All heavy atoms as atom14 arrays in JSON, in Angstrom:
{
  "sequence": "PDAPGLIDIRVTATDRDGFAAVDTHTVRI",
  "atom14_mask": [
    [1, 1, 1, 1, 1, 1, 1, 0, 0, 0, 0, 0, 0, 0],
    [1, 1, 1, 1, 1, 1, 1, 1, 0, 0, 0, 0, 0, 0],
    [1, 1, 1, 1, 1, 0, 0, 0, 0, 0, 0, 0, 0, 0],
    [1, 1, 1, 1, 1, 1, 1, 0, 0, 0, 0, 0, 0, 0],
    [1, 1, 1, 1, 0, 0, 0, 0, 0, 0, 0, 0, 0, 0],
    [1, 1, 1, 1, 1, 1, 1, 1, 0, 0, 0, 0, 0, 0],
    [1, 1, 1, 1, 1, 1, 1, 1, 0, 0, 0, 0, 0, 0],
    [1, 1, 1, 1, 1, 1, 1, 1, 0, 0, 0, 0, 0, 0],
    [1, 1, 1, 1, 1, 1, 1, 1, 0, 0, 0, 0, 0, 0],
    [1, 1, 1, 1, 1, 1, 1, 1, 1, 1, 1, 0, 0, 0],
    [1, 1, 1, 1, 1, 1, 1, 0, 0, 0, 0, 0, 0, 0],
    [1, 1, 1, 1, 1, 1, 1, 0, 0, 0, 0, 0, 0, 0],
    [1, 1, 1, 1, 1, 0, 0, 0, 0, 0, 0, 0, 0, 0],
    [1, 1, 1, 1, 1, 1, 1, 0, 0, 0, 0, 0, 0, 0],
    [1, 1, 1, 1, 1, 1, 1, 1, 0, 0, 0, 0, 0, 0],
    [1, 1, 1, 1, 1, 1, 1, 1, 1, 1, 1, 0, 0, 0],
    [1, 1, 1, 1, 1, 1, 1, 1, 0, 0, 0, 0, 0, 0],
    [1, 1, 1, 1, 0, 0, 0, 0, 0, 0, 0, 0, 0, 0],
    [1, 1, 1, 1, 1, 1, 1, 1, 1, 1, 1, 0, 0, 0],
    [1, 1, 1, 1, 1, 0, 0, 0, 0, 0, 0, 0, 0, 0],
    [1, 1, 1, 1, 1, 0, 0, 0, 0, 0, 0, 0, 0, 0],
    [1, 1, 1, 1, 1, 1, 1, 0, 0, 0, 0, 0, 0, 0],
    [1, 1, 1, 1, 1, 1, 1, 1, 0, 0, 0, 0, 0, 0],
    [1, 1, 1, 1, 1, 1, 1, 0, 0, 0, 0, 0, 0, 0],
    [1, 1, 1, 1, 1, 1, 1, 1, 1, 1, 0, 0, 0, 0],
    [1, 1, 1, 1, 1, 1, 1, 0, 0, 0, 0, 0, 0, 0],
    [1, 1, 1, 1, 1, 1, 1, 0, 0, 0, 0, 0, 0, 0],
    [1, 1, 1, 1, 1, 1, 1, 1, 1, 1, 1, 0, 0, 0],
    [1, 1, 1, 1, 1, 1, 1, 1, 0, 0, 0, 0, 0, 0]
  ],
  "atom14_positions": [
    [[71.04, 153.17, 121.49], [70.64, 154.33, 122.3], [70.34, 153.89, 123.74], [69.84, 152.72, 123.94], [69.39, 154.86, 121.61], [68.85, 153.65, 120.84], [70.07, 152.86, 120.48], [0.0, 0.0, 0.0], [0.0, 0.0, 0.0], [0.0, 0.0, 0.0], [0.0, 0.0, 0.0], [0.0, 0.0, 0.0], [0.0, 0.0, 0.0], [0.0, 0.0, 0.0]],
    [[70.6, 154.74, 124.71], [70.32, 154.36, 126.12], [69.13, 155.09, 126.65], [68.78, 154.84, 127.9], [71.53, 154.55, 126.91], [72.09, 156.01, 126.93], [71.54, 156.83, 126.2], [73.13, 156.27, 127.57], [0.0, 0.0, 0.0], [0.0, 0.0, 0.0], [0.0, 0.0, 0.0], [0.0, 0.0, 0.0], [0.0, 0.0, 0.0], [0.0, 0.0, 0.0]],
    [[68.52, 156.0, 125.95], [67.36, 156.74, 126.52], [66.37, 157.09, 125.38], [66.75, 157.15, 124.26], [67.82, 158.05, 127.17], [0.0, 0.0, 0.0], [0.0, 0.0, 0.0], [0.0, 0.0, 0.0], [0.0, 0.0, 0.0], [0.0, 0.0, 0.0], [0.0, 0.0, 0.0], [0.0, 0.0, 0.0], [0.0, 0.0, 0.0], [0.0, 0.0, 0.0]],
    [[65.14, 157.22, 125.72], [64.12, 157.66, 124.73], [64.36, 159.06, 124.24], [65.02, 159.84, 124.87], [62.78, 157.61, 125.52], [63.04, 157.32, 126.86], [64.51, 157.07, 127.07], [0.0, 0.0, 0.0], [0.0, 0.0, 0.0], [0.0, 0.0, 0.0], [0.0, 0.0, 0.0], [0.0, 0.0, 0.0], [0.0, 0.0, 0.0], [0.0, 0.0, 0.0]],
    [[63.86, 159.36, 123.07], [64.03, 160.67, 122.41], [64.29, 160.56, 120.95], [63.95, 159.59, 120.31], [0.0, 0.0, 0.0], [0.0, 0.0, 0.0], [0.0, 0.0, 0.0], [0.0, 0.0, 0.0], [0.0, 0.0, 0.0], [0.0, 0.0, 0.0], [0.0, 0.0, 0.0], [0.0, 0.0, 0.0], [0.0, 0.0, 0.0], [0.0, 0.0, 0.0]],
    [[64.97, 161.59, 120.45], [65.26, 161.64, 119.0], [66.76, 161.66, 118.85], [67.46, 162.38, 119.52], [64.59, 162.88, 118.33], [63.13, 162.98, 118.47], [62.67, 164.28, 117.87], [62.41, 161.78, 117.76], [0.0, 0.0, 0.0], [0.0, 0.0, 0.0], [0.0, 0.0, 0.0], [0.0, 0.0, 0.0], [0.0, 0.0, 0.0], [0.0, 0.0, 0.0]],
    [[67.18, 160.91, 117.81], [68.62, 160.99, 117.46], [68.68, 161.36, 115.97], [68.02, 160.76, 115.11], [69.33, 159.58, 117.64], [69.22, 159.27, 119.12], [70.71, 159.59, 117.1], [69.77, 157.84, 119.49], [0.0, 0.0, 0.0], [0.0, 0.0, 0.0], [0.0, 0.0, 0.0], [0.0, 0.0, 0.0], [0.0, 0.0, 0.0], [0.0, 0.0, 0.0]],
    [[69.46, 162.38, 115.69], [69.65, 162.86, 114.28], [70.89, 162.39, 113.69], [71.92, 162.4, 114.3], [69.54, 164.41, 114.26], [68.21, 164.95, 114.66], [67.16, 164.41, 114.28], [68.25, 166.04, 115.39], [0.0, 0.0, 0.0], [0.0, 0.0, 0.0], [0.0, 0.0, 0.0], [0.0, 0.0, 0.0], [0.0, 0.0, 0.0], [0.0, 0.0, 0.0]],
    [[70.8, 161.95, 112.42], [72.01, 161.59, 111.64], [72.06, 162.53, 110.51], [71.12, 162.6, 109.7], [71.9, 160.13, 111.16], [71.77, 159.15, 112.31], [73.09, 159.77, 110.26], [71.45, 157.74, 111.91], [0.0, 0.0, 0.0], [0.0, 0.0, 0.0], [0.0, 0.0, 0.0], [0.0, 0.0, 0.0], [0.0, 0.0, 0.0], [0.0, 0.0, 0.0]],
    [[73.14, 163.32, 110.44], [73.3, 164.27, 109.31], [74.39, 163.78, 108.38], [75.5, 163.56, 108.83], [73.63, 165.68, 109.9], [73.81, 166.78, 108.86], [73.84, 168.12, 109.46], [75.03, 168.3, 110.3], [75.31, 169.32, 111.06], [74.43, 170.34, 111.1], [76.41, 169.42, 111.78], [0.0, 0.0, 0.0], [0.0, 0.0, 0.0], [0.0, 0.0, 0.0]],
    [[74.07, 163.78, 107.11], [75.01, 163.34, 106.08], [75.3, 164.52, 105.11], [74.37, 165.12, 104.63], [74.46, 162.12, 105.28], [75.4, 161.69, 104.19], [74.07, 160.98, 106.26], [0.0, 0.0, 0.0], [0.0, 0.0, 0.0], [0.0, 0.0, 0.0], [0.0, 0.0, 0.0], [0.0, 0.0, 0.0], [0.0, 0.0, 0.0], [0.0, 0.0, 0.0]],
    [[76.56, 164.76, 104.95], [76.99, 165.73, 103.96], [77.82, 165.0, 102.84], [78.77, 164.39, 103.12], [77.89, 166.83, 104.55], [77.17, 167.4, 105.65], [78.28, 167.94, 103.57], [0.0, 0.0, 0.0], [0.0, 0.0, 0.0], [0.0, 0.0, 0.0], [0.0, 0.0, 0.0], [0.0, 0.0, 0.0], [0.0, 0.0, 0.0], [0.0, 0.0, 0.0]],
    [[77.24, 165.05, 101.64], [77.85, 164.35, 100.51], [78.35, 165.37, 99.52], [77.61, 166.29, 99.11], [76.92, 163.36, 99.86], [0.0, 0.0, 0.0], [0.0, 0.0, 0.0], [0.0, 0.0, 0.0], [0.0, 0.0, 0.0], [0.0, 0.0, 0.0], [0.0, 0.0, 0.0], [0.0, 0.0, 0.0], [0.0, 0.0, 0.0], [0.0, 0.0, 0.0]],
    [[79.58, 165.25, 99.01], [80.18, 166.06, 98.01], [80.63, 165.19, 96.84], [81.33, 164.23, 97.05], [81.35, 166.85, 98.57], [80.91, 167.58, 99.77], [81.86, 167.89, 97.52], [0.0, 0.0, 0.0], [0.0, 0.0, 0.0], [0.0, 0.0, 0.0], [0.0, 0.0, 0.0], [0.0, 0.0, 0.0], [0.0, 0.0, 0.0], [0.0, 0.0, 0.0]],
    [[80.26, 165.62, 95.63], [80.69, 164.85, 94.45], [81.99, 165.38, 93.88], [82.53, 166.38, 94.36], [79.59, 164.79, 93.36], [79.29, 166.06, 92.72], [80.09, 167.07, 92.88], [78.3, 166.12, 91.95], [0.0, 0.0, 0.0], [0.0, 0.0, 0.0], [0.0, 0.0, 0.0], [0.0, 0.0, 0.0], [0.0, 0.0, 0.0], [0.0, 0.0, 0.0]],
    [[82.51, 164.79, 92.86], [83.81, 165.09, 92.27], [83.8, 166.46, 91.55], [84.83, 167.08, 91.33], [84.29, 163.97, 91.3], [84.65, 162.77, 92.03], [85.23, 161.7, 91.02], [85.45, 160.47, 91.74], [85.15, 159.33, 91.33], [84.61, 159.17, 90.07], [85.39, 158.24, 91.99], [0.0, 0.0, 0.0], [0.0, 0.0, 0.0], [0.0, 0.0, 0.0]],
    [[82.57, 166.95, 91.24], [82.43, 168.21, 90.58], [82.33, 169.37, 91.64], [82.19, 170.52, 91.23], [81.19, 168.27, 89.67], [81.39, 167.41, 88.45], [82.54, 167.27, 87.98], [80.38, 166.9, 87.96], [0.0, 0.0, 0.0], [0.0, 0.0, 0.0], [0.0, 0.0, 0.0], [0.0, 0.0, 0.0], [0.0, 0.0, 0.0], [0.0, 0.0, 0.0]],
    [[82.27, 169.04, 92.9], [82.19, 170.02, 93.96], [80.77, 170.32, 94.42], [80.53, 171.16, 95.29], [0.0, 0.0, 0.0], [0.0, 0.0, 0.0], [0.0, 0.0, 0.0], [0.0, 0.0, 0.0], [0.0, 0.0, 0.0], [0.0, 0.0, 0.0], [0.0, 0.0, 0.0], [0.0, 0.0, 0.0], [0.0, 0.0, 0.0], [0.0, 0.0, 0.0]],
    [[79.74, 169.62, 93.83], [78.36, 169.84, 94.26], [78.19, 169.09, 95.63], [78.69, 168.0, 95.77], [77.36, 169.33, 93.27], [77.36, 170.08, 91.98], [77.94, 169.6, 90.83], [76.81, 171.4, 91.94], [77.92, 170.32, 89.62], [76.82, 172.12, 90.76], [77.34, 171.6, 89.58], [0.0, 0.0, 0.0], [0.0, 0.0, 0.0], [0.0, 0.0, 0.0]],
    [[77.39, 169.71, 96.47], [77.21, 169.09, 97.83], [75.74, 169.13, 98.18], [74.97, 169.86, 97.7], [77.94, 169.9, 98.88], [0.0, 0.0, 0.0], [0.0, 0.0, 0.0], [0.0, 0.0, 0.0], [0.0, 0.0, 0.0], [0.0, 0.0, 0.0], [0.0, 0.0, 0.0], [0.0, 0.0, 0.0], [0.0, 0.0, 0.0], [0.0, 0.0, 0.0]],
    [[75.38, 168.08, 98.98], [74.03, 167.99, 99.54], [74.09, 167.57, 101.02], [75.06, 166.92, 101.45], [73.21, 166.97, 98.77], [0.0, 0.0, 0.0], [0.0, 0.0, 0.0], [0.0, 0.0, 0.0], [0.0, 0.0, 0.0], [0.0, 0.0, 0.0], [0.0, 0.0, 0.0], [0.0, 0.0, 0.0], [0.0, 0.0, 0.0], [0.0, 0.0, 0.0]],
    [[73.13, 168.01, 101.79], [73.06, 167.69, 103.22], [71.65, 167.11, 103.44], [70.65, 167.63, 102.99], [73.26, 168.89, 104.09], [73.15, 168.57, 105.51], [74.64, 169.54, 103.82], [0.0, 0.0, 0.0], [0.0, 0.0, 0.0], [0.0, 0.0, 0.0], [0.0, 0.0, 0.0], [0.0, 0.0, 0.0], [0.0, 0.0, 0.0], [0.0, 0.0, 0.0]],
    [[71.6, 166.01, 104.2], [70.36, 165.36, 104.56], [70.37, 164.98, 106.03], [71.43, 164.46, 106.47], [70.08, 164.13, 103.68], [68.67, 163.54, 103.97], [67.69, 164.3, 103.94], [68.67, 162.32, 104.19], [0.0, 0.0, 0.0], [0.0, 0.0, 0.0], [0.0, 0.0, 0.0], [0.0, 0.0, 0.0], [0.0, 0.0, 0.0], [0.0, 0.0, 0.0]],
    [[69.31, 165.2, 106.76], [69.21, 164.81, 108.15], [68.09, 163.83, 108.34], [66.97, 164.02, 107.86], [68.96, 166.03, 109.07], [70.0, 166.99, 108.86], [68.93, 165.62, 110.51], [0.0, 0.0, 0.0], [0.0, 0.0, 0.0], [0.0, 0.0, 0.0], [0.0, 0.0, 0.0], [0.0, 0.0, 0.0], [0.0, 0.0, 0.0], [0.0, 0.0, 0.0]],
    [[68.42, 162.69, 108.9], [67.5, 161.62, 109.19], [67.33, 161.51, 110.67], [68.31, 161.52, 111.42], [68.06, 160.28, 108.58], [67.25, 159.11, 108.77], [66.19, 158.79, 108.0], [67.26, 158.13, 109.76], [65.61, 157.67, 108.44], [66.24, 157.28, 109.49], [0.0, 0.0, 0.0], [0.0, 0.0, 0.0], [0.0, 0.0, 0.0], [0.0, 0.0, 0.0]],
    [[66.05, 161.43, 111.1], [65.77, 161.35, 112.54], [65.37, 159.93, 112.95], [64.48, 159.33, 112.27], [64.67, 162.31, 112.92], [65.04, 163.64, 112.58], [64.33, 162.27, 114.37], [0.0, 0.0, 0.0], [0.0, 0.0, 0.0], [0.0, 0.0, 0.0], [0.0, 0.0, 0.0], [0.0, 0.0, 0.0], [0.0, 0.0, 0.0], [0.0, 0.0, 0.0]],
    [[66.02, 159.42, 113.97], [65.68, 158.07, 114.49], [64.9, 158.29, 115.82], [65.37, 159.0, 116.68], [66.94, 157.3, 114.8], [66.67, 155.93, 115.34], [67.83, 157.18, 113.51], [0.0, 0.0, 0.0], [0.0, 0.0, 0.0], [0.0, 0.0, 0.0], [0.0, 0.0, 0.0], [0.0, 0.0, 0.0], [0.0, 0.0, 0.0], [0.0, 0.0, 0.0]],
    [[63.76, 157.66, 115.89], [62.92, 157.81, 117.06], [63.16, 156.68, 118.03], [63.12, 155.52, 117.58], [61.45, 157.87, 116.65], [61.11, 159.07, 115.81], [59.67, 159.07, 115.33], [59.45, 160.29, 114.59], [58.48, 160.48, 113.75], [57.6, 159.53, 113.57], [58.35, 161.66, 113.15], [0.0, 0.0, 0.0], [0.0, 0.0, 0.0], [0.0, 0.0, 0.0]],
    [[63.32, 157.03, 119.25], [63.53, 156.05, 120.34], [62.4, 156.24, 121.29], [62.24, 157.27, 121.96], [64.89, 156.23, 121.09], [66.05, 156.45, 120.09], [65.1, 155.14, 122.08], [66.2, 155.27, 119.15], [0.0, 0.0, 0.0], [0.0, 0.0, 0.0], [0.0, 0.0, 0.0], [0.0, 0.0, 0.0], [0.0, 0.0, 0.0], [0.0, 0.0, 0.0]]
  ]
}
């Protein structure tokens, strides 16, 4: 990162049965 603030990482995972989940992780700078 080049500046202070928050960076969000959003992950969308889908399994072979079609079930999905979304998770957001925040990185603090």
